[in-house]
Amino acid sequence: MFKRMKPEGMIISSNIEENISSEDSPIRIAMQNALAKALDVAKNHVDAIVTGTDTIVTIDKAILGKPKDQKDAVRILKILSGRAHRVITGVAIVNIRFNIQLVDFEFSEVTFKELSSEQIERYVMEKQPLDKAGAYGIQEIGTEFVESLEGSYENVMGLPVYLLTEMLEKITKMVNQRKSIL
């Protein structure tokens, strides 16, 4: 006989509009967006430990968000061609029941090779990177576009696993401590 197990987790998208206002630092923006996403989902799951993330790409103090369309994706990738840029991911973990909010960030630096217009246009047509900050997914481009990477590969993918693991361990201890008091 098989015993049905409870799922370890669920993926629920938030309904938060990402803010990329240039009035704040990119790190603060990524952290605020991550927290807003986590809180939006957590309000309907008050007992759960909920995570939210937000990834931002910056170059020359400018924030490169998700492209509006294919033409914008090509424009963004031409800006990144042959240059270094930063990838910042804000991570938030919350629990509404115990009023816990942890927020942190990780950043990496990625340097692109010089890219031809043909490479860029082929990538945009084949991969449709419209849902990705900086108009690319590192897992899709690999060594074709990337000259070097300093920092976490997982961060550039949008989920800094080491940081997330540390934060999950911390919030789990906090929740368990508060449960033991009640």
N, C-alpha and C. Protein backbone atom coordinates (compact mmCIF):
# COMPACT_ATOMS: atom_id res chain seq x y z
N MET A 1 0.84 -1.18 0.00
CA MET A 1 0.00 0.00 0.00
C MET A 1 0.89 1.24 0.00
N PHE A 2 0.53 2.21 -0.78
CA PHE A 2 1.29 3.45 -0.88
C PHE A 2 0.67 4.52 -0.01
N LYS A 3 1.52 5.26 0.63
CA LYS A 3 1.05 6.37 1.47
C LYS A 3 1.26 7.66 0.69
N ARG A 4 0.22 8.46 0.60
CA ARG A 4 0.31 9.74 -0.11
C ARG A 4 1.05 10.74 0.76
N MET A 5 2.09 11.35 0.20
CA MET A 5 2.91 12.32 0.93
C MET A 5 2.44 13.73 0.60
N LYS A 6 2.55 14.62 1.60
CA LYS A 6 2.24 16.02 1.36
C LYS A 6 3.35 16.62 0.50
N PRO A 7 3.00 17.52 -0.40
CA PRO A 7 4.05 18.14 -1.22
C PRO A 7 4.99 18.98 -0.35
N GLU A 8 6.25 18.99 -0.73
CA GLU A 8 7.26 19.75 -0.01
C GLU A 8 7.09 21.25 -0.22
N GLY A 9 6.54 21.63 -1.31
CA GLY A 9 6.38 23.04 -1.60
C GLY A 9 5.52 23.24 -2.83
N MET A 10 5.15 24.48 -3.02
CA MET A 10 4.34 24.84 -4.19
C MET A 10 4.94 26.09 -4.80
N ILE A 11 4.74 26.24 -6.08
CA ILE A 11 5.13 27.47 -6.76
C ILE A 11 3.87 28.25 -7.04
N ILE A 12 3.80 29.45 -6.47
CA ILE A 12 2.65 30.32 -6.66
C ILE A 12 3.18 31.68 -7.11
N SER A 13 2.75 32.14 -8.25
CA SER A 13 3.19 33.44 -8.74
C SER A 13 2.48 34.56 -7.99
N SER A 14 3.22 35.62 -7.74
CA SER A 14 2.62 36.79 -7.12
C SER A 14 1.99 37.66 -8.19
N ASN A 15 1.17 38.59 -7.75
CA ASN A 15 0.55 39.54 -8.68
C ASN A 15 1.18 40.92 -8.56
N ILE A 16 2.39 40.97 -8.10
CA ILE A 16 3.09 42.23 -7.87
C ILE A 16 3.73 42.74 -9.17
N GLU A 17 3.53 44.00 -9.42
CA GLU A 17 4.21 44.67 -10.54
C GLU A 17 5.61 45.04 -10.06
N GLU A 18 6.63 44.55 -10.74
CA GLU A 18 8.01 44.83 -10.33
C GLU A 18 8.33 46.30 -10.50
N ASN A 19 8.99 46.86 -9.50
CA ASN A 19 9.40 48.26 -9.53
C ASN A 19 10.87 48.31 -9.91
N ILE A 20 11.20 49.05 -10.95
CA ILE A 20 12.61 49.24 -11.31
C ILE A 20 12.95 50.73 -11.35
N SER A 21 12.36 51.47 -10.46
CA SER A 21 12.62 52.90 -10.35
C SER A 21 14.10 53.15 -10.14
N SER A 22 14.65 54.09 -10.88
CA SER A 22 16.09 54.38 -10.76
C SER A 22 16.40 55.28 -9.56
N GLU A 23 15.39 55.62 -8.78
CA GLU A 23 15.60 56.49 -7.62
C GLU A 23 16.29 55.76 -6.48
N ASP A 24 16.20 54.44 -6.44
CA ASP A 24 16.81 53.64 -5.40
C ASP A 24 17.98 52.85 -5.97
N SER A 25 18.79 52.28 -5.08
CA SER A 25 19.89 51.44 -5.54
C SER A 25 19.33 50.14 -6.11
N PRO A 26 20.01 49.53 -7.08
CA PRO A 26 19.54 48.25 -7.64
C PRO A 26 19.41 47.16 -6.57
N ILE A 27 20.31 47.17 -5.60
CA ILE A 27 20.22 46.16 -4.53
C ILE A 27 18.94 46.36 -3.74
N ARG A 28 18.65 47.58 -3.36
CA ARG A 28 17.43 47.86 -2.60
C ARG A 28 16.18 47.52 -3.42
N ILE A 29 16.20 47.84 -4.71
CA ILE A 29 15.05 47.54 -5.57
C ILE A 29 14.82 46.03 -5.64
N ALA A 30 15.88 45.25 -5.86
CA ALA A 30 15.73 43.79 -5.93
C ALA A 30 15.20 43.23 -4.62
N MET A 31 15.70 43.74 -3.49
CA MET A 31 15.23 43.26 -2.19
C MET A 31 13.78 43.65 -1.93
N GLN A 32 13.41 44.89 -2.28
CA GLN A 32 12.03 45.34 -2.08
C GLN A 32 11.06 44.55 -2.96
N ASN A 33 11.43 44.31 -4.21
CA ASN A 33 10.58 43.52 -5.10
C ASN A 33 10.42 42.09 -4.58
N ALA A 34 11.51 41.49 -4.12
CA ALA A 34 11.45 40.13 -3.58
C ALA A 34 10.52 40.07 -2.38
N LEU A 35 10.64 41.04 -1.48
CA LEU A 35 9.79 41.07 -0.30
C LEU A 35 8.32 41.28 -0.67
N ALA A 36 8.07 42.18 -1.59
CA ALA A 36 6.68 42.42 -2.03
C ALA A 36 6.07 41.16 -2.62
N LYS A 37 6.83 40.42 -3.41
CA LYS A 37 6.34 39.17 -4.00
C LYS A 37 6.03 38.14 -2.92
N ALA A 38 6.95 37.99 -1.96
CA ALA A 38 6.76 37.01 -0.89
C ALA A 38 5.52 37.36 -0.05
N LEU A 39 5.39 38.63 0.31
CA LEU A 39 4.25 39.05 1.13
C LEU A 39 2.93 38.88 0.39
N ASP A 40 2.94 39.14 -0.92
CA ASP A 40 1.72 39.00 -1.71
C ASP A 40 1.22 37.56 -1.67
N VAL A 41 2.10 36.60 -1.79
CA VAL A 41 1.71 35.19 -1.75
C VAL A 41 1.39 34.77 -0.31
N ALA A 42 2.21 35.23 0.63
CA ALA A 42 2.06 34.81 2.03
C ALA A 42 0.73 35.24 2.66
N LYS A 43 0.15 36.32 2.17
CA LYS A 43 -1.11 36.78 2.77
C LYS A 43 -2.22 35.74 2.64
N ASN A 44 -2.11 34.83 1.68
CA ASN A 44 -3.08 33.75 1.52
C ASN A 44 -2.58 32.41 2.07
N HIS A 45 -1.37 32.42 2.65
CA HIS A 45 -0.75 31.20 3.18
C HIS A 45 -0.02 31.58 4.47
N VAL A 46 -0.77 32.00 5.47
CA VAL A 46 -0.19 32.63 6.66
C VAL A 46 0.69 31.69 7.48
N ASP A 47 0.48 30.40 7.41
CA ASP A 47 1.30 29.46 8.18
C ASP A 47 2.55 29.00 7.42
N ALA A 48 2.59 29.29 6.15
CA ALA A 48 3.69 28.79 5.31
C ALA A 48 4.94 29.67 5.42
N ILE A 49 6.06 29.07 5.09
CA ILE A 49 7.30 29.82 4.87
C ILE A 49 7.33 30.09 3.38
N VAL A 50 7.29 31.36 3.02
CA VAL A 50 7.15 31.76 1.61
C VAL A 50 8.40 32.51 1.16
N THR A 51 8.89 32.16 -0.01
CA THR A 51 10.05 32.85 -0.56
C THR A 51 9.62 33.70 -1.76
N GLY A 52 10.36 34.76 -1.98
CA GLY A 52 10.19 35.61 -3.15
C GLY A 52 11.56 36.03 -3.64
N THR A 53 11.73 36.11 -4.93
CA THR A 53 13.01 36.55 -5.49
C THR A 53 12.77 37.57 -6.59
N ASP A 54 13.78 38.38 -6.82
CA ASP A 54 13.74 39.32 -7.94
C ASP A 54 15.16 39.53 -8.43
N THR A 55 15.36 39.39 -9.73
CA THR A 55 16.68 39.54 -10.33
C THR A 55 16.72 40.77 -11.21
N ILE A 56 17.80 41.53 -11.05
CA ILE A 56 17.99 42.76 -11.80
C ILE A 56 19.37 42.73 -12.45
N VAL A 57 19.46 43.20 -13.67
CA VAL A 57 20.73 43.32 -14.38
C VAL A 57 21.06 44.80 -14.48
N THR A 58 22.30 45.15 -14.13
CA THR A 58 22.72 46.55 -14.22
C THR A 58 24.01 46.67 -15.02
N ILE A 59 24.13 47.80 -15.70
CA ILE A 59 25.35 48.13 -16.43
C ILE A 59 25.46 49.66 -16.44
N ASP A 60 26.63 50.16 -16.13
CA ASP A 60 26.85 51.61 -16.09
C ASP A 60 25.79 52.34 -15.26
N LYS A 61 25.45 51.79 -14.13
CA LYS A 61 24.45 52.36 -13.21
C LYS A 61 23.03 52.36 -13.76
N ALA A 62 22.82 51.76 -14.91
CA ALA A 62 21.48 51.67 -15.49
C ALA A 62 20.92 50.28 -15.20
N ILE A 63 19.63 50.23 -14.92
CA ILE A 63 18.95 48.95 -14.69
C ILE A 63 18.35 48.47 -16.00
N LEU A 64 18.70 47.25 -16.37
CA LEU A 64 18.14 46.64 -17.57
C LEU A 64 17.09 45.62 -17.11
N GLY A 65 15.85 45.97 -17.24
CA GLY A 65 14.78 45.08 -16.81
C GLY A 65 14.50 44.02 -17.85
N LYS A 66 13.30 43.47 -17.79
CA LYS A 66 12.86 42.51 -18.78
C LYS A 66 12.52 43.27 -20.06
N PRO A 67 12.88 42.73 -21.20
CA PRO A 67 12.57 43.44 -22.45
C PRO A 67 11.07 43.51 -22.72
N LYS A 68 10.67 44.60 -23.35
CA LYS A 68 9.26 44.81 -23.67
C LYS A 68 8.81 43.94 -24.84
N ASP A 69 9.73 43.71 -25.77
CA ASP A 69 9.44 42.93 -26.96
C ASP A 69 10.76 42.44 -27.55
N GLN A 70 10.71 41.77 -28.69
CA GLN A 70 11.93 41.22 -29.30
C GLN A 70 12.92 42.31 -29.70
N LYS A 71 12.42 43.42 -30.19
CA LYS A 71 13.29 44.52 -30.58
C LYS A 71 14.05 45.06 -29.36
N ASP A 72 13.36 45.16 -28.24
CA ASP A 72 13.99 45.63 -27.01
C ASP A 72 15.01 44.60 -26.51
N ALA A 73 14.72 43.32 -26.67
CA ALA A 73 15.67 42.27 -26.27
C ALA A 73 16.97 42.39 -27.08
N VAL A 74 16.84 42.63 -28.37
CA VAL A 74 18.02 42.82 -29.22
C VAL A 74 18.82 44.04 -28.75
N ARG A 75 18.12 45.12 -28.44
CA ARG A 75 18.77 46.35 -27.97
C ARG A 75 19.56 46.08 -26.68
N ILE A 76 18.93 45.39 -25.74
CA ILE A 76 19.59 45.10 -24.47
C ILE A 76 20.83 44.23 -24.67
N LEU A 77 20.71 43.19 -25.47
CA LEU A 77 21.85 42.30 -25.69
C LEU A 77 23.00 43.01 -26.42
N LYS A 78 22.68 43.97 -27.27
CA LYS A 78 23.73 44.76 -27.92
C LYS A 78 24.45 45.63 -26.90
N ILE A 79 23.73 46.13 -25.90
CA ILE A 79 24.36 46.91 -24.83
C ILE A 79 25.32 46.02 -24.04
N LEU A 80 24.93 44.78 -23.78
CA LEU A 80 25.75 43.86 -22.97
C LEU A 80 26.93 43.28 -23.75
N SER A 81 26.85 43.28 -25.06
CA SER A 81 27.89 42.67 -25.89
C SER A 81 29.28 43.25 -25.60
N GLY A 82 30.22 42.35 -25.28
CA GLY A 82 31.61 42.75 -25.06
C GLY A 82 31.86 43.48 -23.75
N ARG A 83 30.89 43.46 -22.84
CA ARG A 83 31.00 44.25 -21.61
C ARG A 83 30.65 43.44 -20.38
N ALA A 84 31.06 43.96 -19.23
CA ALA A 84 30.72 43.36 -17.95
C ALA A 84 29.46 44.02 -17.41
N HIS A 85 28.66 43.24 -16.72
CA HIS A 85 27.46 43.75 -16.06
C HIS A 85 27.25 42.98 -14.76
N ARG A 86 26.42 43.54 -13.90
CA ARG A 86 26.11 42.91 -12.62
C ARG A 86 24.72 42.30 -12.66
N VAL A 87 24.61 41.17 -12.00
CA VAL A 87 23.32 40.51 -11.82
C VAL A 87 23.07 40.47 -10.31
N ILE A 88 21.99 41.08 -9.89
CA ILE A 88 21.65 41.18 -8.47
C ILE A 88 20.32 40.46 -8.26
N THR A 89 20.30 39.54 -7.30
CA THR A 89 19.05 38.86 -6.96
C THR A 89 18.72 39.14 -5.51
N GLY A 90 17.54 39.72 -5.29
CA GLY A 90 17.01 39.89 -3.95
C GLY A 90 16.25 38.64 -3.57
N VAL A 91 16.41 38.22 -2.31
CA VAL A 91 15.71 37.03 -1.81
C VAL A 91 15.00 37.42 -0.52
N ALA A 92 13.73 37.09 -0.43
CA ALA A 92 12.95 37.34 0.78
C ALA A 92 12.28 36.04 1.21
N ILE A 93 12.25 35.83 2.51
CA ILE A 93 11.55 34.67 3.08
C ILE A 93 10.71 35.21 4.23
N VAL A 94 9.43 34.88 4.21
CA VAL A 94 8.52 35.41 5.22
C VAL A 94 7.64 34.33 5.81
N ASN A 95 7.17 34.59 7.02
CA ASN A 95 6.14 33.79 7.66
C ASN A 95 5.21 34.77 8.35
N ILE A 96 4.00 34.84 7.89
CA ILE A 96 3.02 35.79 8.41
C ILE A 96 2.62 35.44 9.86
N ARG A 97 2.37 34.17 10.12
CA ARG A 97 1.90 33.74 11.45
C ARG A 97 2.82 34.25 12.56
N PHE A 98 4.14 34.19 12.34
CA PHE A 98 5.09 34.59 13.38
C PHE A 98 5.76 35.93 13.08
N ASN A 99 5.23 36.64 12.08
CA ASN A 99 5.73 37.98 11.74
C ASN A 99 7.24 38.00 11.51
N ILE A 100 7.71 37.09 10.67
CA ILE A 100 9.14 37.00 10.36
C ILE A 100 9.35 37.39 8.90
N GLN A 101 10.32 38.26 8.70
CA GLN A 101 10.73 38.66 7.34
C GLN A 101 12.25 38.68 7.29
N LEU A 102 12.82 37.87 6.41
CA LEU A 102 14.26 37.89 6.16
C LEU A 102 14.46 38.34 4.72
N VAL A 103 15.35 39.29 4.51
CA VAL A 103 15.61 39.79 3.16
C VAL A 103 17.11 39.95 2.99
N ASP A 104 17.63 39.48 1.86
CA ASP A 104 19.06 39.58 1.57
C ASP A 104 19.24 39.63 0.06
N PHE A 105 20.48 39.65 -0.39
CA PHE A 105 20.75 39.71 -1.82
C PHE A 105 22.07 39.03 -2.13
N GLU A 106 22.25 38.73 -3.39
CA GLU A 106 23.53 38.24 -3.89
C GLU A 106 23.78 38.91 -5.23
N PHE A 107 25.07 39.15 -5.52
CA PHE A 107 25.37 39.71 -6.84
C PHE A 107 26.53 38.95 -7.47
N SER A 108 26.51 38.95 -8.77
CA SER A 108 27.54 38.32 -9.59
C SER A 108 27.89 39.28 -10.71
N GLU A 109 29.08 39.10 -11.27
CA GLU A 109 29.47 39.91 -12.43
C GLU A 109 29.68 38.97 -13.62
N VAL A 110 29.04 39.31 -14.71
CA VAL A 110 29.11 38.52 -15.94
C VAL A 110 29.71 39.40 -17.03
N THR A 111 30.68 38.87 -17.75
CA THR A 111 31.25 39.57 -18.90
C THR A 111 30.88 38.79 -20.15
N PHE A 112 30.26 39.50 -21.09
CA PHE A 112 29.90 38.90 -22.38
C PHE A 112 31.04 39.04 -23.38
N LYS A 113 31.11 38.09 -24.27
CA LYS A 113 31.99 38.21 -25.43
C LYS A 113 31.38 39.24 -26.38
N GLU A 114 32.17 39.67 -27.35
CA GLU A 114 31.60 40.50 -28.42
C GLU A 114 30.65 39.61 -29.21
N LEU A 115 29.42 40.07 -29.38
CA LEU A 115 28.40 39.28 -30.05
C LEU A 115 28.05 39.90 -31.39
N SER A 116 27.86 39.06 -32.37
CA SER A 116 27.44 39.57 -33.68
C SER A 116 25.93 39.81 -33.65
N SER A 117 25.48 40.65 -34.55
CA SER A 117 24.04 40.90 -34.67
C SER A 117 23.30 39.61 -34.98
N GLU A 118 23.93 38.73 -35.77
CA GLU A 118 23.30 37.46 -36.13
C GLU A 118 23.12 36.57 -34.89
N GLN A 119 24.16 36.52 -34.02
CA GLN A 119 24.05 35.72 -32.80
C GLN A 119 22.91 36.22 -31.92
N ILE A 120 22.86 37.53 -31.77
CA ILE A 120 21.84 38.14 -30.91
C ILE A 120 20.45 37.87 -31.47
N GLU A 121 20.25 38.13 -32.75
CA GLU A 121 18.93 37.96 -33.35
C GLU A 121 18.49 36.51 -33.35
N ARG A 122 19.42 35.58 -33.58
CA ARG A 122 19.09 34.15 -33.54
C ARG A 122 18.65 33.75 -32.12
N TYR A 123 19.40 34.20 -31.13
CA TYR A 123 19.06 33.88 -29.75
C TYR A 123 17.67 34.41 -29.38
N VAL A 124 17.41 35.66 -29.72
CA VAL A 124 16.12 36.27 -29.38
C VAL A 124 14.98 35.52 -30.08
N MET A 125 15.16 35.14 -31.33
CA MET A 125 14.11 34.43 -32.07
C MET A 125 13.90 33.02 -31.51
N GLU A 126 14.99 32.31 -31.18
CA GLU A 126 14.88 30.93 -30.75
C GLU A 126 14.47 30.79 -29.28
N LYS A 127 14.99 31.64 -28.42
CA LYS A 127 14.79 31.45 -26.98
C LYS A 127 13.71 32.34 -26.38
N GLN A 128 13.27 33.36 -27.08
CA GLN A 128 12.22 34.24 -26.58
C GLN A 128 12.49 34.70 -25.13
N PRO A 129 13.55 35.48 -24.92
CA PRO A 129 13.96 35.84 -23.56
C PRO A 129 13.21 37.03 -22.96
N LEU A 130 11.94 37.18 -23.29
CA LEU A 130 11.19 38.36 -22.86
C LEU A 130 10.84 38.35 -21.37
N ASP A 131 10.98 37.20 -20.72
CA ASP A 131 10.65 37.11 -19.29
C ASP A 131 11.90 37.13 -18.41
N LYS A 132 13.03 37.55 -18.98
CA LYS A 132 14.29 37.51 -18.24
C LYS A 132 14.94 38.88 -18.14
N ALA A 133 15.34 39.24 -16.93
CA ALA A 133 16.08 40.49 -16.75
C ALA A 133 17.36 40.42 -17.58
N GLY A 134 17.65 41.49 -18.29
CA GLY A 134 18.83 41.51 -19.15
C GLY A 134 18.65 40.79 -20.46
N ALA A 135 17.46 40.25 -20.71
CA ALA A 135 17.11 39.59 -21.97
C ALA A 135 17.89 38.31 -22.25
N TYR A 136 18.35 37.64 -21.17
CA TYR A 136 19.01 36.35 -21.40
C TYR A 136 18.88 35.45 -20.18
N GLY A 137 18.97 34.16 -20.46
CA GLY A 137 19.08 33.14 -19.43
C GLY A 137 20.44 32.49 -19.58
N ILE A 138 21.27 32.58 -18.56
CA ILE A 138 22.64 32.06 -18.67
C ILE A 138 22.65 30.57 -18.98
N GLN A 139 21.65 29.85 -18.50
CA GLN A 139 21.57 28.42 -18.76
C GLN A 139 21.33 28.14 -20.24
N GLU A 140 20.86 29.14 -20.99
CA GLU A 140 20.59 28.97 -22.42
C GLU A 140 21.76 29.41 -23.30
N ILE A 141 22.56 30.35 -22.80
CA ILE A 141 23.61 30.91 -23.65
C ILE A 141 24.97 30.31 -23.41
N GLY A 142 25.22 29.85 -22.17
CA GLY A 142 26.47 29.19 -21.85
C GLY A 142 27.69 29.93 -22.35
N THR A 143 28.65 29.18 -22.88
CA THR A 143 29.92 29.77 -23.31
C THR A 143 29.82 30.52 -24.63
N GLU A 144 28.71 30.41 -25.32
CA GLU A 144 28.57 31.14 -26.59
C GLU A 144 28.61 32.65 -26.35
N PHE A 145 28.01 33.12 -25.27
CA PHE A 145 27.95 34.55 -24.99
C PHE A 145 28.88 34.97 -23.85
N VAL A 146 29.12 34.08 -22.89
CA VAL A 146 29.81 34.45 -21.66
C VAL A 146 31.31 34.26 -21.76
N GLU A 147 32.02 35.36 -21.50
CA GLU A 147 33.48 35.31 -21.44
C GLU A 147 33.93 34.93 -20.04
N SER A 148 33.30 35.52 -19.02
CA SER A 148 33.65 35.19 -17.64
C SER A 148 32.48 35.44 -16.71
N LEU A 149 32.54 34.76 -15.57
CA LEU A 149 31.52 34.90 -14.53
C LEU A 149 32.23 34.90 -13.19
N GLU A 150 31.99 35.95 -12.42
CA GLU A 150 32.49 36.03 -11.05
C GLU A 150 31.30 36.01 -10.13
N GLY A 151 31.28 35.05 -9.22
CA GLY A 151 30.15 34.92 -8.31
C GLY A 151 29.38 33.66 -8.61
N SER A 152 28.13 33.67 -8.21
CA SER A 152 27.28 32.49 -8.26
C SER A 152 26.56 32.34 -9.60
N TYR A 153 26.75 31.18 -10.23
CA TYR A 153 26.04 30.84 -11.46
C TYR A 153 24.53 30.79 -11.18
N GLU A 154 24.17 30.19 -10.04
CA GLU A 154 22.75 30.08 -9.67
C GLU A 154 22.12 31.46 -9.49
N ASN A 155 22.90 32.41 -8.98
CA ASN A 155 22.39 33.77 -8.85
C ASN A 155 22.03 34.34 -10.21
N VAL A 156 22.88 34.14 -11.19
CA VAL A 156 22.62 34.66 -12.53
C VAL A 156 21.39 33.97 -13.13
N MET A 157 21.14 32.73 -12.73
CA MET A 157 19.92 32.04 -13.16
C MET A 157 18.68 32.60 -12.46
N GLY A 158 18.88 33.32 -11.35
CA GLY A 158 17.76 33.94 -10.66
C GLY A 158 17.41 33.31 -9.33
N LEU A 159 18.20 32.33 -8.88
CA LEU A 159 17.93 31.71 -7.59
C LEU A 159 19.26 31.33 -6.93
N PRO A 160 19.79 32.22 -6.11
CA PRO A 160 21.07 31.93 -5.43
C PRO A 160 20.86 30.86 -4.35
N VAL A 161 21.11 29.62 -4.71
CA VAL A 161 20.75 28.47 -3.89
C VAL A 161 21.45 28.49 -2.53
N TYR A 162 22.72 28.82 -2.47
CA TYR A 162 23.44 28.83 -1.20
C TYR A 162 22.82 29.84 -0.24
N LEU A 163 22.58 31.06 -0.72
CA LEU A 163 21.95 32.09 0.11
C LEU A 163 20.56 31.65 0.55
N LEU A 164 19.78 31.11 -0.38
CA LEU A 164 18.43 30.66 -0.06
C LEU A 164 18.46 29.57 1.02
N THR A 165 19.38 28.64 0.91
CA THR A 165 19.51 27.56 1.90
C THR A 165 19.82 28.12 3.29
N GLU A 166 20.76 29.05 3.35
CA GLU A 166 21.09 29.68 4.64
C GLU A 166 19.88 30.38 5.24
N MET A 167 19.16 31.10 4.41
CA MET A 167 17.99 31.84 4.90
C MET A 167 16.87 30.89 5.34
N LEU A 168 16.67 29.80 4.61
CA LEU A 168 15.65 28.82 4.99
C LEU A 168 15.99 28.16 6.32
N GLU A 169 17.26 27.86 6.53
CA GLU A 169 17.68 27.28 7.81
C GLU A 169 17.40 28.26 8.94
N LYS A 170 17.70 29.53 8.72
CA LYS A 170 17.50 30.55 9.75
C LYS A 170 16.02 30.73 10.08
N ILE A 171 15.17 30.85 9.06
CA ILE A 171 13.75 31.07 9.34
C ILE A 171 13.11 29.83 9.95
N THR A 172 13.56 28.66 9.57
CA THR A 172 13.02 27.43 10.17
C THR A 172 13.30 27.40 11.66
N LYS A 173 14.52 27.76 12.06
CA LYS A 173 14.86 27.83 13.48
C LYS A 173 14.00 28.87 14.20
N MET A 174 13.81 30.02 13.57
CA MET A 174 13.01 31.08 14.18
C MET A 174 11.56 30.64 14.37
N VAL A 175 10.98 30.02 13.36
CA VAL A 175 9.59 29.54 13.45
C VAL A 175 9.49 28.48 14.54
N ASN A 176 10.42 27.53 14.57
CA ASN A 176 10.38 26.48 15.59
C ASN A 176 10.53 27.05 16.99
N GLN A 177 11.38 28.06 17.16
CA GLN A 177 11.52 28.69 18.47
C GLN A 177 10.21 29.34 18.91
N ARG A 178 9.58 30.04 17.99
CA ARG A 178 8.32 30.73 18.33
C ARG A 178 7.20 29.74 18.58
N LYS A 179 7.20 28.63 17.84
CA LYS A 179 6.18 27.59 18.09
C LYS A 179 6.34 27.01 19.49
N SER A 180 7.58 26.83 19.93
CA SER A 180 7.83 26.22 21.23
C SER A 180 7.40 27.14 22.39
N ILE A 181 7.33 28.42 22.14
CA ILE A 181 6.92 29.38 23.17
C ILE A 181 5.40 29.34 23.37
N LEU A 182 4.70 29.08 22.28
CA LEU A 182 3.22 29.09 22.33
C LEU A 182 2.64 27.87 22.98
